[in-house]
């Protein structure tokens, strides 16, 4: 049982900051997203299809100032002081989410290999085209494993976000993850990615954009 890259996560201090970064760095405006009531966050999305990365997208995510404080730490480490300080100046690539057909089975395999990616939670949000629903692993403290290189596991229930996304002019060409033990690499079975034994950078993504090739990196070291 294999997983595929579902989306890359770029954390921002605010969606306005994230949209400005996207336009300046990638040469395109991000598309619409939505709100996540369970975590007090909101996002904007961009399609990232590339060879070997079909139905893939980029998520720019930030705390939602209009949402009440969530009952648990926000996902992707958004509540940690280290990440808040890191994105205060500009957004940054922090994580990768892997799509699988049986999230519980892959989670069990990853746990057996030595890493607990968190409990499987049910989440969803409404969109103009209908409701999106998914199952996702989230640690109780919202932390990122291996500086973001250990993927979150996700299983969609029905529609996928890219079903309603127009082409963006962006494409994911390569993704390399650092500092992940061989046993965990095998447990995730993540197709299309490269692996590095060095822990930094935790993530290195190469994108084709209207501005040419752009590399995004997460240097690691985040909780």
N, C-alpha and C. Protein backbone atom coordinates (compact mmCIF):
# COMPACT_ATOMS: atom_id res chain seq x y z
N UNK A 1 0.85 -1.19 0.00
CA UNK A 1 0.00 0.00 0.00
C UNK A 1 0.89 1.24 0.00
N UNK A 2 0.72 2.08 -1.01
CA UNK A 2 1.55 3.26 -1.16
C UNK A 2 0.74 4.53 -0.88
N UNK A 3 1.47 5.62 -0.62
CA UNK A 3 0.89 6.95 -0.49
C UNK A 3 1.41 7.83 -1.61
N UNK A 4 0.70 8.90 -1.90
CA UNK A 4 1.14 9.88 -2.88
C UNK A 4 1.12 11.27 -2.23
N UNK A 5 1.88 12.18 -2.81
CA UNK A 5 1.90 13.55 -2.29
C UNK A 5 0.55 14.21 -2.59
N UNK A 6 -0.14 14.63 -1.55
CA UNK A 6 -1.42 15.31 -1.73
C UNK A 6 -1.22 16.81 -1.83
N UNK A 7 -0.51 17.38 -0.84
CA UNK A 7 -0.26 18.83 -0.92
C UNK A 7 0.92 19.24 -0.05
N UNK A 8 1.49 20.37 -0.42
CA UNK A 8 2.52 21.03 0.36
C UNK A 8 1.87 22.11 1.21
N UNK A 9 2.42 22.31 2.40
CA UNK A 9 1.86 23.27 3.35
C UNK A 9 2.83 24.43 3.54
N UNK A 10 2.36 25.63 3.25
CA UNK A 10 3.11 26.86 3.51
C UNK A 10 2.39 27.59 4.63
N UNK A 11 3.08 27.80 5.74
CA UNK A 11 2.50 28.50 6.89
C UNK A 11 2.75 30.00 6.76
N UNK A 12 1.76 30.79 7.14
CA UNK A 12 1.85 32.24 7.08
C UNK A 12 1.31 32.85 8.36
N UNK A 13 1.75 34.06 8.66
CA UNK A 13 1.22 34.76 9.81
C UNK A 13 -0.22 35.19 9.57
N UNK A 14 -0.57 35.47 8.32
CA UNK A 14 -1.93 35.83 7.93
C UNK A 14 -2.11 35.44 6.47
N UNK A 15 -3.35 35.30 6.03
CA UNK A 15 -3.57 34.96 4.62
C UNK A 15 -3.18 36.11 3.71
N UNK A 16 -3.32 37.35 4.17
CA UNK A 16 -2.89 38.49 3.36
C UNK A 16 -1.38 38.42 3.12
N UNK A 17 -0.63 38.11 4.18
CA UNK A 17 0.81 37.96 4.03
C UNK A 17 1.13 36.80 3.08
N UNK A 18 0.40 35.69 3.23
CA UNK A 18 0.63 34.53 2.37
C UNK A 18 0.34 34.81 0.91
N UNK A 19 -0.74 35.54 0.63
CA UNK A 19 -1.09 35.86 -0.75
C UNK A 19 -0.05 36.78 -1.38
N UNK A 20 0.43 37.76 -0.62
CA UNK A 20 1.46 38.67 -1.14
C UNK A 20 2.76 37.92 -1.42
N UNK A 21 3.13 37.01 -0.52
CA UNK A 21 4.33 36.18 -0.73
C UNK A 21 4.18 35.32 -1.99
N UNK A 22 3.03 34.73 -2.17
CA UNK A 22 2.78 33.85 -3.32
C UNK A 22 2.93 34.63 -4.62
N UNK A 23 2.34 35.81 -4.69
CA UNK A 23 2.43 36.62 -5.90
C UNK A 23 3.87 37.04 -6.18
N UNK A 24 4.61 37.42 -5.13
CA UNK A 24 5.97 37.90 -5.32
C UNK A 24 6.94 36.77 -5.62
N UNK A 25 6.74 35.61 -4.99
CA UNK A 25 7.70 34.51 -5.10
C UNK A 25 7.39 33.58 -6.27
N UNK A 26 6.11 33.27 -6.47
CA UNK A 26 5.72 32.29 -7.47
C UNK A 26 5.10 32.91 -8.72
N UNK A 27 4.75 34.20 -8.63
CA UNK A 27 4.23 34.89 -9.80
C UNK A 27 2.76 34.67 -10.07
N UNK A 28 2.03 34.14 -9.11
CA UNK A 28 0.59 33.90 -9.28
C UNK A 28 -0.14 34.25 -7.99
N UNK A 29 -1.40 34.59 -8.11
CA UNK A 29 -2.25 34.82 -6.95
C UNK A 29 -2.85 33.49 -6.50
N UNK A 30 -2.88 33.22 -5.20
CA UNK A 30 -3.51 31.98 -4.75
C UNK A 30 -5.01 32.01 -4.96
N UNK A 31 -5.57 30.83 -5.19
CA UNK A 31 -7.01 30.71 -5.34
C UNK A 31 -7.71 30.69 -3.99
N UNK A 32 -9.03 30.60 -4.02
CA UNK A 32 -9.78 30.58 -2.76
C UNK A 32 -9.58 29.28 -2.00
N UNK A 33 -9.87 29.33 -0.72
CA UNK A 33 -9.83 28.14 0.13
C UNK A 33 -11.04 28.14 1.03
N UNK A 34 -10.81 28.00 2.33
CA UNK A 34 -11.93 27.98 3.26
C UNK A 34 -11.45 27.99 4.69
N UNK A 35 -12.38 27.71 5.60
CA UNK A 35 -12.11 27.76 7.04
C UNK A 35 -12.20 26.35 7.64
N UNK A 36 -11.37 26.12 8.68
CA UNK A 36 -11.36 24.84 9.39
C UNK A 36 -11.79 25.12 10.83
N UNK A 37 -13.05 24.87 11.13
CA UNK A 37 -13.59 25.22 12.44
C UNK A 37 -12.90 24.46 13.56
N UNK A 38 -12.48 23.21 13.31
CA UNK A 38 -11.88 22.40 14.35
C UNK A 38 -10.55 22.97 14.82
N UNK A 39 -9.83 23.66 13.92
CA UNK A 39 -8.49 24.12 14.25
C UNK A 39 -8.32 25.64 14.25
N UNK A 40 -9.38 26.37 13.96
CA UNK A 40 -9.27 27.82 13.96
C UNK A 40 -8.31 28.35 12.93
N UNK A 41 -8.30 27.74 11.74
CA UNK A 41 -7.42 28.16 10.65
C UNK A 41 -8.23 28.41 9.38
N UNK A 42 -7.60 29.07 8.43
CA UNK A 42 -8.18 29.20 7.10
C UNK A 42 -7.05 29.14 6.08
N UNK A 43 -7.41 28.93 4.80
CA UNK A 43 -6.38 28.71 3.81
C UNK A 43 -6.75 29.26 2.44
N UNK A 44 -5.74 29.29 1.57
CA UNK A 44 -5.93 29.53 0.14
C UNK A 44 -5.12 28.47 -0.59
N UNK A 45 -5.58 28.11 -1.79
CA UNK A 45 -5.03 26.94 -2.47
C UNK A 45 -4.63 27.25 -3.91
N UNK A 46 -3.66 26.46 -4.40
CA UNK A 46 -3.20 26.55 -5.78
C UNK A 46 -2.90 25.15 -6.30
N UNK A 47 -3.35 24.86 -7.48
CA UNK A 47 -3.07 23.56 -8.09
C UNK A 47 -1.58 23.45 -8.41
N UNK A 48 -1.01 22.25 -8.22
CA UNK A 48 0.42 22.04 -8.42
C UNK A 48 0.71 20.81 -9.27
N UNK A 49 -0.17 20.42 -10.14
CA UNK A 49 0.05 19.20 -10.91
C UNK A 49 1.40 19.23 -11.62
N UNK A 50 2.10 18.11 -11.58
CA UNK A 50 3.34 17.92 -12.31
C UNK A 50 3.50 16.44 -12.57
N UNK A 51 4.43 16.03 -13.43
CA UNK A 51 4.64 14.61 -13.69
C UNK A 51 4.92 13.84 -12.40
N UNK A 52 4.09 12.85 -12.11
CA UNK A 52 4.24 12.09 -10.88
C UNK A 52 3.56 12.72 -9.68
N UNK A 53 2.99 13.90 -9.85
CA UNK A 53 2.33 14.60 -8.73
C UNK A 53 0.92 15.03 -9.13
N UNK A 54 0.15 14.09 -9.65
CA UNK A 54 -1.20 14.41 -10.08
C UNK A 54 -2.11 14.70 -8.87
N UNK A 55 -3.08 15.56 -9.08
CA UNK A 55 -4.04 15.96 -8.04
C UNK A 55 -3.31 16.47 -6.80
N UNK A 56 -2.31 17.28 -7.05
CA UNK A 56 -1.50 17.85 -5.98
C UNK A 56 -1.75 19.35 -5.93
N UNK A 57 -1.59 19.95 -4.74
CA UNK A 57 -1.81 21.39 -4.63
C UNK A 57 -0.94 21.98 -3.53
N UNK A 58 -0.86 23.29 -3.54
CA UNK A 58 -0.16 24.06 -2.51
C UNK A 58 -1.20 24.71 -1.61
N UNK A 59 -1.02 24.54 -0.31
CA UNK A 59 -1.91 25.16 0.67
C UNK A 59 -1.15 26.24 1.42
N UNK A 60 -1.69 27.45 1.42
CA UNK A 60 -1.20 28.52 2.28
C UNK A 60 -2.18 28.61 3.45
N UNK A 61 -1.66 28.42 4.67
CA UNK A 61 -2.54 28.31 5.83
C UNK A 61 -2.09 29.26 6.93
N UNK A 62 -3.05 29.79 7.66
CA UNK A 62 -2.76 30.74 8.74
C UNK A 62 -3.86 30.65 9.79
N UNK A 63 -3.57 31.08 11.02
CA UNK A 63 -4.65 31.17 12.01
C UNK A 63 -5.74 32.12 11.52
N UNK A 64 -6.99 31.76 11.80
CA UNK A 64 -8.13 32.57 11.38
C UNK A 64 -8.48 33.55 12.49
N UNK A 65 -8.25 34.85 12.28
CA UNK A 65 -8.51 35.82 13.36
C UNK A 65 -9.98 35.95 13.72
N UNK A 66 -10.88 35.50 12.84
CA UNK A 66 -12.31 35.60 13.11
C UNK A 66 -12.87 34.36 13.81
N UNK A 67 -12.04 33.34 13.96
CA UNK A 67 -12.51 32.10 14.58
C UNK A 67 -12.23 32.10 16.07
N UNK A 68 -13.10 31.46 16.86
CA UNK A 68 -12.80 31.32 18.29
C UNK A 68 -11.57 30.45 18.49
N UNK A 69 -10.92 30.60 19.62
CA UNK A 69 -9.75 29.78 19.92
C UNK A 69 -10.14 28.30 19.88
N UNK A 70 -9.39 27.47 19.17
CA UNK A 70 -9.77 26.06 19.06
C UNK A 70 -9.55 25.32 20.38
N UNK A 71 -10.24 24.20 20.57
CA UNK A 71 -10.12 23.45 21.83
C UNK A 71 -8.83 22.65 21.93
N UNK A 72 -8.01 22.67 20.91
CA UNK A 72 -6.77 21.91 20.88
C UNK A 72 -5.73 22.72 20.10
N UNK A 73 -4.44 22.40 20.23
CA UNK A 73 -3.44 23.12 19.44
C UNK A 73 -3.73 23.00 17.94
N UNK A 74 -3.47 24.08 17.22
CA UNK A 74 -3.67 24.06 15.77
C UNK A 74 -2.69 23.08 15.11
N UNK A 75 -3.12 22.53 13.99
CA UNK A 75 -2.26 21.60 13.27
C UNK A 75 -1.08 22.32 12.62
N UNK A 76 -0.14 21.52 12.14
CA UNK A 76 1.06 21.97 11.42
C UNK A 76 1.95 22.88 12.28
N UNK A 77 1.85 22.74 13.61
CA UNK A 77 2.70 23.52 14.48
C UNK A 77 2.42 25.00 14.52
N UNK A 78 1.24 25.42 14.07
CA UNK A 78 0.96 26.85 13.94
C UNK A 78 0.93 27.59 15.27
N UNK A 79 0.76 26.86 16.38
CA UNK A 79 0.72 27.53 17.68
C UNK A 79 2.08 27.54 18.38
N UNK A 80 3.08 26.89 17.82
CA UNK A 80 4.37 26.84 18.50
C UNK A 80 5.10 28.17 18.36
N UNK A 81 5.76 28.63 19.42
CA UNK A 81 6.49 29.91 19.35
C UNK A 81 7.53 29.93 18.24
N UNK A 82 8.20 28.77 18.01
CA UNK A 82 9.24 28.73 16.99
C UNK A 82 8.67 29.00 15.60
N UNK A 83 7.55 28.39 15.28
CA UNK A 83 6.98 28.60 13.95
C UNK A 83 6.36 29.99 13.84
N UNK A 84 5.73 30.46 14.88
CA UNK A 84 5.17 31.82 14.83
C UNK A 84 6.27 32.84 14.56
N UNK A 85 7.42 32.66 15.22
CA UNK A 85 8.54 33.57 15.00
C UNK A 85 9.09 33.43 13.59
N UNK A 86 9.13 32.18 13.08
CA UNK A 86 9.70 31.93 11.76
C UNK A 86 8.89 32.58 10.65
N UNK A 87 7.54 32.59 10.79
CA UNK A 87 6.70 33.13 9.72
C UNK A 87 6.34 34.60 9.94
N UNK A 88 6.82 35.19 11.02
CA UNK A 88 6.51 36.60 11.25
C UNK A 88 7.08 37.47 10.14
N UNK A 89 8.25 37.09 9.63
CA UNK A 89 8.87 37.86 8.56
C UNK A 89 8.31 37.54 7.20
N UNK A 90 8.16 36.25 6.92
CA UNK A 90 7.57 35.83 5.65
C UNK A 90 7.10 34.38 5.76
N UNK A 91 6.15 33.98 4.92
CA UNK A 91 5.69 32.59 4.95
C UNK A 91 6.82 31.62 4.61
N UNK A 92 6.61 30.35 4.99
CA UNK A 92 7.64 29.35 4.68
C UNK A 92 7.00 27.99 4.48
N UNK A 93 7.64 27.19 3.64
CA UNK A 93 7.25 25.80 3.48
C UNK A 93 7.54 25.05 4.78
N UNK A 94 6.54 24.33 5.31
CA UNK A 94 6.74 23.65 6.59
C UNK A 94 6.41 22.16 6.57
N UNK A 95 5.66 21.69 5.57
CA UNK A 95 5.17 20.32 5.72
C UNK A 95 4.67 19.76 4.39
N UNK A 96 4.50 18.43 4.38
CA UNK A 96 3.90 17.73 3.25
C UNK A 96 2.82 16.80 3.80
N UNK A 97 1.72 16.71 3.08
CA UNK A 97 0.60 15.83 3.45
C UNK A 97 0.51 14.73 2.40
N UNK A 98 0.43 13.48 2.87
CA UNK A 98 0.40 12.32 1.98
C UNK A 98 -1.02 11.75 1.92
N UNK A 99 -1.46 11.48 0.72
CA UNK A 99 -2.79 10.92 0.48
C UNK A 99 -2.70 9.40 0.40
N UNK A 100 -3.63 8.72 1.08
CA UNK A 100 -3.64 7.26 1.03
C UNK A 100 -5.09 6.77 0.98
N UNK A 101 -5.26 5.52 0.60
CA UNK A 101 -6.60 4.94 0.47
C UNK A 101 -7.13 4.40 1.79
N UNK A 102 -6.23 4.12 2.75
CA UNK A 102 -6.64 3.57 4.04
C UNK A 102 -5.76 4.20 5.10
N UNK A 103 -6.18 5.35 5.63
CA UNK A 103 -5.34 6.10 6.54
C UNK A 103 -5.04 5.32 7.82
N UNK A 104 -5.99 4.53 8.30
CA UNK A 104 -5.77 3.77 9.54
C UNK A 104 -4.69 2.71 9.34
N UNK A 105 -4.72 2.05 8.19
CA UNK A 105 -3.75 0.99 7.93
C UNK A 105 -2.34 1.56 7.77
N UNK A 106 -2.22 2.67 7.06
CA UNK A 106 -0.89 3.27 6.88
C UNK A 106 -0.39 3.83 8.21
N UNK A 107 -1.28 4.43 8.99
CA UNK A 107 -0.88 4.92 10.31
C UNK A 107 -0.32 3.79 11.16
N UNK A 108 -0.99 2.64 11.17
CA UNK A 108 -0.52 1.51 11.96
C UNK A 108 0.86 1.07 11.51
N UNK A 109 1.09 1.08 10.22
CA UNK A 109 2.40 0.69 9.68
C UNK A 109 3.48 1.68 10.11
N UNK A 110 3.15 2.98 10.09
CA UNK A 110 4.11 4.01 10.49
C UNK A 110 4.41 3.91 11.99
N UNK A 111 3.38 3.67 12.80
CA UNK A 111 3.58 3.51 14.24
C UNK A 111 4.49 2.31 14.51
N UNK A 112 4.28 1.21 13.79
CA UNK A 112 5.11 0.03 13.97
C UNK A 112 6.57 0.30 13.60
N UNK A 113 6.79 1.27 12.71
CA UNK A 113 8.15 1.62 12.29
C UNK A 113 8.80 2.64 13.22
N UNK A 114 8.05 3.11 14.25
CA UNK A 114 8.68 3.95 15.25
C UNK A 114 8.23 5.39 15.33
N UNK A 115 7.18 5.78 14.61
CA UNK A 115 6.70 7.17 14.69
C UNK A 115 5.19 7.19 14.80
N UNK A 116 4.68 7.95 15.79
CA UNK A 116 3.23 8.12 15.94
C UNK A 116 2.83 9.44 15.30
N UNK A 117 2.13 9.40 14.16
CA UNK A 117 1.74 10.63 13.48
C UNK A 117 0.51 11.30 14.09
N UNK A 118 -0.04 10.73 15.16
CA UNK A 118 -1.20 11.32 15.80
C UNK A 118 -2.47 10.52 15.56
N UNK A 119 -3.50 10.89 16.26
CA UNK A 119 -4.80 10.24 16.11
C UNK A 119 -5.43 10.58 14.76
N UNK A 120 -6.31 9.71 14.30
CA UNK A 120 -7.06 9.98 13.07
C UNK A 120 -8.32 10.76 13.44
N UNK A 121 -8.42 11.98 12.90
CA UNK A 121 -9.57 12.84 13.15
C UNK A 121 -10.39 12.99 11.89
N UNK A 122 -11.68 13.21 12.07
CA UNK A 122 -12.58 13.49 10.94
C UNK A 122 -12.74 15.01 10.82
N UNK A 123 -12.54 15.53 9.62
CA UNK A 123 -12.61 16.97 9.40
C UNK A 123 -13.35 17.24 8.10
N UNK A 124 -13.69 18.52 7.90
CA UNK A 124 -14.38 18.89 6.68
C UNK A 124 -14.60 20.39 6.62
N UNK A 125 -14.97 20.86 5.45
CA UNK A 125 -15.34 22.27 5.28
C UNK A 125 -16.25 22.39 4.07
N UNK A 126 -17.08 23.42 4.10
CA UNK A 126 -18.00 23.68 3.00
C UNK A 126 -17.33 24.53 1.93
N UNK A 127 -17.64 24.25 0.68
CA UNK A 127 -17.15 25.03 -0.45
C UNK A 127 -18.33 25.37 -1.36
N UNK A 128 -18.18 26.34 -2.28
CA UNK A 128 -19.27 26.64 -3.20
C UNK A 128 -19.70 25.44 -4.03
N UNK A 129 -18.78 24.50 -4.25
CA UNK A 129 -19.10 23.32 -5.05
C UNK A 129 -19.57 22.14 -4.23
N UNK A 130 -19.67 22.29 -2.93
CA UNK A 130 -20.09 21.18 -2.08
C UNK A 130 -19.13 21.00 -0.92
N UNK A 131 -19.41 20.04 -0.09
CA UNK A 131 -18.62 19.83 1.12
C UNK A 131 -17.43 18.91 0.83
N UNK A 132 -16.28 19.27 1.41
CA UNK A 132 -15.10 18.43 1.40
C UNK A 132 -14.99 17.75 2.76
N UNK A 133 -14.70 16.45 2.75
CA UNK A 133 -14.56 15.72 4.00
C UNK A 133 -13.35 14.81 3.91
N UNK A 134 -12.64 14.68 5.04
CA UNK A 134 -11.44 13.86 5.02
C UNK A 134 -11.13 13.33 6.42
N UNK A 135 -10.32 12.28 6.47
CA UNK A 135 -9.75 11.74 7.70
C UNK A 135 -8.27 12.09 7.68
N UNK A 136 -7.73 12.54 8.84
CA UNK A 136 -6.37 13.06 8.85
C UNK A 136 -5.72 12.76 10.19
N UNK A 137 -4.42 12.46 10.16
CA UNK A 137 -3.67 12.26 11.41
C UNK A 137 -3.18 13.60 11.93
N UNK A 138 -3.42 13.84 13.23
CA UNK A 138 -2.97 15.08 13.86
C UNK A 138 -2.45 14.75 15.26
N UNK A 139 -1.18 15.07 15.58
CA UNK A 139 -0.69 14.87 16.94
C UNK A 139 -1.47 15.73 17.93
N UNK A 140 -1.59 15.26 19.15
CA UNK A 140 -2.34 16.00 20.17
C UNK A 140 -1.78 17.39 20.40
N UNK A 141 -0.43 17.54 20.25
CA UNK A 141 0.18 18.85 20.46
C UNK A 141 0.35 19.64 19.18
N UNK A 142 -0.15 19.10 18.06
CA UNK A 142 -0.07 19.80 16.78
C UNK A 142 1.32 19.90 16.20
N UNK A 143 2.28 19.13 16.70
CA UNK A 143 3.68 19.30 16.29
C UNK A 143 3.97 18.69 14.93
N UNK A 144 5.11 19.08 14.36
CA UNK A 144 5.60 18.55 13.10
C UNK A 144 6.69 17.53 13.39
N UNK A 145 6.62 16.37 12.74
CA UNK A 145 7.65 15.36 12.94
C UNK A 145 8.84 15.60 12.04
N UNK A 146 10.06 15.45 12.59
CA UNK A 146 11.30 15.61 11.83
C UNK A 146 11.33 16.95 11.10
N UNK A 147 10.92 18.01 11.80
CA UNK A 147 10.96 19.33 11.20
C UNK A 147 9.99 19.51 10.05
N UNK A 148 8.98 18.63 9.95
CA UNK A 148 7.99 18.71 8.87
C UNK A 148 8.16 17.65 7.81
N UNK A 149 9.27 16.86 7.87
CA UNK A 149 9.55 15.88 6.82
C UNK A 149 8.77 14.59 6.98
N UNK A 150 8.21 14.32 8.17
CA UNK A 150 7.38 13.14 8.35
C UNK A 150 5.94 13.52 8.02
N UNK A 151 5.40 13.00 6.91
CA UNK A 151 4.13 13.52 6.40
C UNK A 151 2.94 13.26 7.31
N UNK A 152 2.00 14.18 7.27
CA UNK A 152 0.66 13.93 7.77
C UNK A 152 -0.02 12.97 6.80
N UNK A 153 -0.84 12.07 7.33
CA UNK A 153 -1.58 11.11 6.51
C UNK A 153 -3.03 11.57 6.35
N UNK A 154 -3.54 11.46 5.15
CA UNK A 154 -4.89 11.98 4.86
C UNK A 154 -5.61 11.03 3.91
N UNK A 155 -6.90 10.87 4.14
CA UNK A 155 -7.77 10.10 3.24
C UNK A 155 -9.00 10.92 2.94
N UNK A 156 -9.21 11.23 1.68
CA UNK A 156 -10.38 12.01 1.27
C UNK A 156 -11.62 11.14 1.23
N UNK A 157 -12.74 11.74 1.60
CA UNK A 157 -14.04 11.06 1.54
C UNK A 157 -14.86 11.71 0.42
N UNK A 158 -14.74 11.20 -0.79
CA UNK A 158 -15.48 11.79 -1.90
C UNK A 158 -14.61 12.76 -2.70
N UNK A 159 -15.11 13.98 -2.87
CA UNK A 159 -14.46 14.96 -3.74
C UNK A 159 -13.07 15.34 -3.23
N UNK A 160 -12.21 15.70 -4.17
CA UNK A 160 -10.86 16.19 -3.88
C UNK A 160 -10.81 17.68 -4.22
N UNK A 161 -10.06 18.50 -3.48
CA UNK A 161 -10.04 19.94 -3.77
C UNK A 161 -9.66 20.28 -5.19
N UNK A 162 -8.75 19.52 -5.79
CA UNK A 162 -8.32 19.87 -7.16
C UNK A 162 -9.42 19.66 -8.19
N UNK A 163 -10.49 18.93 -7.82
CA UNK A 163 -11.59 18.73 -8.77
C UNK A 163 -12.19 20.06 -9.22
N UNK A 164 -12.11 21.08 -8.36
CA UNK A 164 -12.71 22.38 -8.67
C UNK A 164 -11.66 23.45 -8.91
N UNK A 165 -10.39 23.09 -9.02
CA UNK A 165 -9.33 24.07 -9.20
C UNK A 165 -8.93 24.21 -10.65
N UNK A 166 -8.86 25.44 -11.17
CA UNK A 166 -8.34 25.63 -12.52
C UNK A 166 -6.82 25.50 -12.50
N UNK A 167 -6.19 25.31 -13.66
CA UNK A 167 -4.73 25.32 -13.71
C UNK A 167 -4.19 26.64 -13.16
N UNK A 168 -3.05 26.57 -12.47
CA UNK A 168 -2.50 27.76 -11.82
C UNK A 168 -1.27 28.31 -12.52
N UNK A 169 -0.70 27.52 -13.45
CA UNK A 169 0.59 27.91 -14.02
C UNK A 169 1.76 27.41 -13.21
N UNK A 170 1.50 26.65 -12.14
CA UNK A 170 2.54 26.07 -11.30
C UNK A 170 2.55 24.56 -11.47
N UNK A 171 3.72 23.96 -11.25
CA UNK A 171 3.83 22.51 -11.26
C UNK A 171 4.93 22.09 -10.29
N UNK A 172 4.67 21.05 -9.54
CA UNK A 172 5.68 20.48 -8.65
C UNK A 172 6.56 19.55 -9.48
N UNK A 173 7.86 19.84 -9.52
CA UNK A 173 8.80 19.05 -10.31
C UNK A 173 9.54 18.02 -9.48
N UNK A 174 9.83 18.33 -8.22
CA UNK A 174 10.58 17.40 -7.37
C UNK A 174 10.34 17.77 -5.91
N UNK A 175 10.40 16.75 -5.07
CA UNK A 175 10.28 16.95 -3.63
C UNK A 175 11.25 16.01 -2.93
N UNK A 176 12.08 16.57 -2.06
CA UNK A 176 13.04 15.78 -1.29
C UNK A 176 12.80 16.01 0.19
N UNK A 177 12.81 14.92 0.96
CA UNK A 177 12.58 14.98 2.40
C UNK A 177 13.84 14.51 3.12
N UNK A 178 14.20 15.21 4.21
CA UNK A 178 15.46 14.92 4.88
C UNK A 178 15.29 14.38 6.29
N UNK A 179 16.27 13.56 6.71
CA UNK A 179 16.34 13.11 8.09
C UNK A 179 15.31 12.08 8.49
N UNK A 180 14.77 11.31 7.53
CA UNK A 180 13.77 10.28 7.83
C UNK A 180 14.45 8.90 7.77
N UNK A 181 14.30 8.12 8.82
CA UNK A 181 14.94 6.81 8.88
C UNK A 181 14.41 5.89 7.79
N UNK A 182 15.27 4.98 7.28
CA UNK A 182 14.85 4.07 6.21
C UNK A 182 13.59 3.28 6.53
N UNK A 183 13.44 2.84 7.79
CA UNK A 183 12.24 2.06 8.14
C UNK A 183 10.97 2.89 7.98
N UNK A 184 11.05 4.17 8.30
CA UNK A 184 9.88 5.03 8.15
C UNK A 184 9.63 5.36 6.68
N UNK A 185 10.69 5.51 5.91
CA UNK A 185 10.50 5.72 4.47
C UNK A 185 9.69 4.57 3.87
N UNK A 186 10.06 3.35 4.25
CA UNK A 186 9.35 2.18 3.73
C UNK A 186 7.92 2.13 4.24
N UNK A 187 7.71 2.51 5.50
CA UNK A 187 6.37 2.46 6.07
C UNK A 187 5.43 3.43 5.38
N UNK A 188 5.92 4.63 5.08
CA UNK A 188 5.08 5.60 4.38
C UNK A 188 4.83 5.18 2.93
N UNK A 189 5.82 4.60 2.28
CA UNK A 189 5.66 4.19 0.89
C UNK A 189 5.27 5.35 0.00
N UNK A 190 5.90 6.51 0.22
CA UNK A 190 5.49 7.73 -0.46
C UNK A 190 6.10 7.80 -1.85
N UNK A 191 5.27 7.73 -2.84
CA UNK A 191 5.73 7.69 -4.22
C UNK A 191 6.20 9.06 -4.70
N UNK A 192 7.24 9.04 -5.54
CA UNK A 192 7.64 10.24 -6.27
C UNK A 192 8.60 11.16 -5.55
N UNK A 193 8.93 10.88 -4.28
CA UNK A 193 9.79 11.79 -3.53
C UNK A 193 11.20 11.23 -3.46
N UNK A 194 12.17 12.12 -3.23
CA UNK A 194 13.53 11.73 -2.93
C UNK A 194 13.76 11.83 -1.44
N UNK A 195 14.78 11.13 -0.97
CA UNK A 195 15.08 11.13 0.46
C UNK A 195 16.53 11.51 0.68
N UNK A 196 16.79 12.20 1.76
CA UNK A 196 18.15 12.57 2.15
C UNK A 196 18.38 12.13 3.58
N UNK A 197 19.56 11.58 3.87
CA UNK A 197 19.87 11.21 5.24
C UNK A 197 20.11 12.43 6.13
N UNK A 198 20.53 13.53 5.53
CA UNK A 198 20.77 14.76 6.30
C UNK A 198 19.44 15.32 6.80
N UNK A 199 19.39 15.82 8.03
CA UNK A 199 18.13 16.34 8.57
C UNK A 199 17.74 17.70 8.02
N UNK A 200 18.67 18.41 7.40
CA UNK A 200 18.36 19.73 6.85
C UNK A 200 18.87 19.81 5.40
N UNK A 201 18.04 20.35 4.51
CA UNK A 201 16.70 20.85 4.78
C UNK A 201 15.71 19.72 5.01
N UNK A 202 14.72 19.96 5.85
CA UNK A 202 13.70 18.95 6.09
C UNK A 202 12.87 18.72 4.83
N UNK A 203 12.58 19.79 4.11
CA UNK A 203 11.86 19.68 2.84
C UNK A 203 12.53 20.58 1.81
N UNK A 204 12.62 20.07 0.59
CA UNK A 204 13.11 20.85 -0.54
C UNK A 204 12.18 20.56 -1.72
N UNK A 205 11.46 21.56 -2.16
CA UNK A 205 10.51 21.41 -3.27
C UNK A 205 10.94 22.29 -4.42
N UNK A 206 10.92 21.73 -5.61
CA UNK A 206 11.25 22.48 -6.82
C UNK A 206 9.98 22.66 -7.64
N UNK A 207 9.63 23.92 -7.91
CA UNK A 207 8.39 24.26 -8.61
C UNK A 207 8.71 24.94 -9.93
N UNK A 208 7.95 24.60 -10.96
CA UNK A 208 7.95 25.36 -12.20
C UNK A 208 6.89 26.45 -12.07
N UNK A 209 7.29 27.70 -12.32
CA UNK A 209 6.40 28.84 -12.11
C UNK A 209 6.54 29.81 -13.28
N UNK A 210 5.65 30.80 -13.39
CA UNK A 210 5.84 31.83 -14.42
C UNK A 210 7.14 32.60 -14.26
N UNK A 211 7.76 32.53 -13.11
CA UNK A 211 9.05 33.20 -12.88
C UNK A 211 10.23 32.25 -13.08
N UNK A 212 9.97 31.08 -13.66
CA UNK A 212 11.01 30.08 -13.81
C UNK A 212 10.99 29.09 -12.66
N UNK A 213 12.04 28.30 -12.53
CA UNK A 213 12.08 27.33 -11.45
C UNK A 213 12.33 28.04 -10.12
N UNK A 214 11.54 27.66 -9.11
CA UNK A 214 11.65 28.24 -7.78
C UNK A 214 11.81 27.09 -6.78
N UNK A 215 12.82 27.19 -5.93
CA UNK A 215 13.03 26.20 -4.88
C UNK A 215 12.49 26.73 -3.56
N UNK A 216 11.71 25.92 -2.88
CA UNK A 216 11.23 26.24 -1.53
C UNK A 216 11.84 25.25 -0.57
N UNK A 217 12.34 25.75 0.55
CA UNK A 217 12.97 24.88 1.53
C UNK A 217 12.47 25.17 2.93
N UNK A 218 12.39 24.13 3.72
CA UNK A 218 12.22 24.26 5.16
C UNK A 218 13.52 23.78 5.78
N UNK A 219 14.26 24.65 6.45
CA UNK A 219 15.57 24.25 6.93
C UNK A 219 15.56 23.24 8.06
N UNK A 220 14.39 22.92 8.59
CA UNK A 220 14.32 21.98 9.70
C UNK A 220 14.48 22.71 11.02
N UNK A 221 14.48 21.93 12.08
CA UNK A 221 14.68 22.49 13.40
C UNK A 221 13.40 22.97 14.07
N UNK A 222 12.26 22.90 13.37
CA UNK A 222 11.00 23.30 13.98
C UNK A 222 10.41 22.13 14.75
N UNK A 223 9.68 22.39 15.83
CA UNK A 223 9.10 21.30 16.62
C UNK A 223 7.96 20.63 15.87
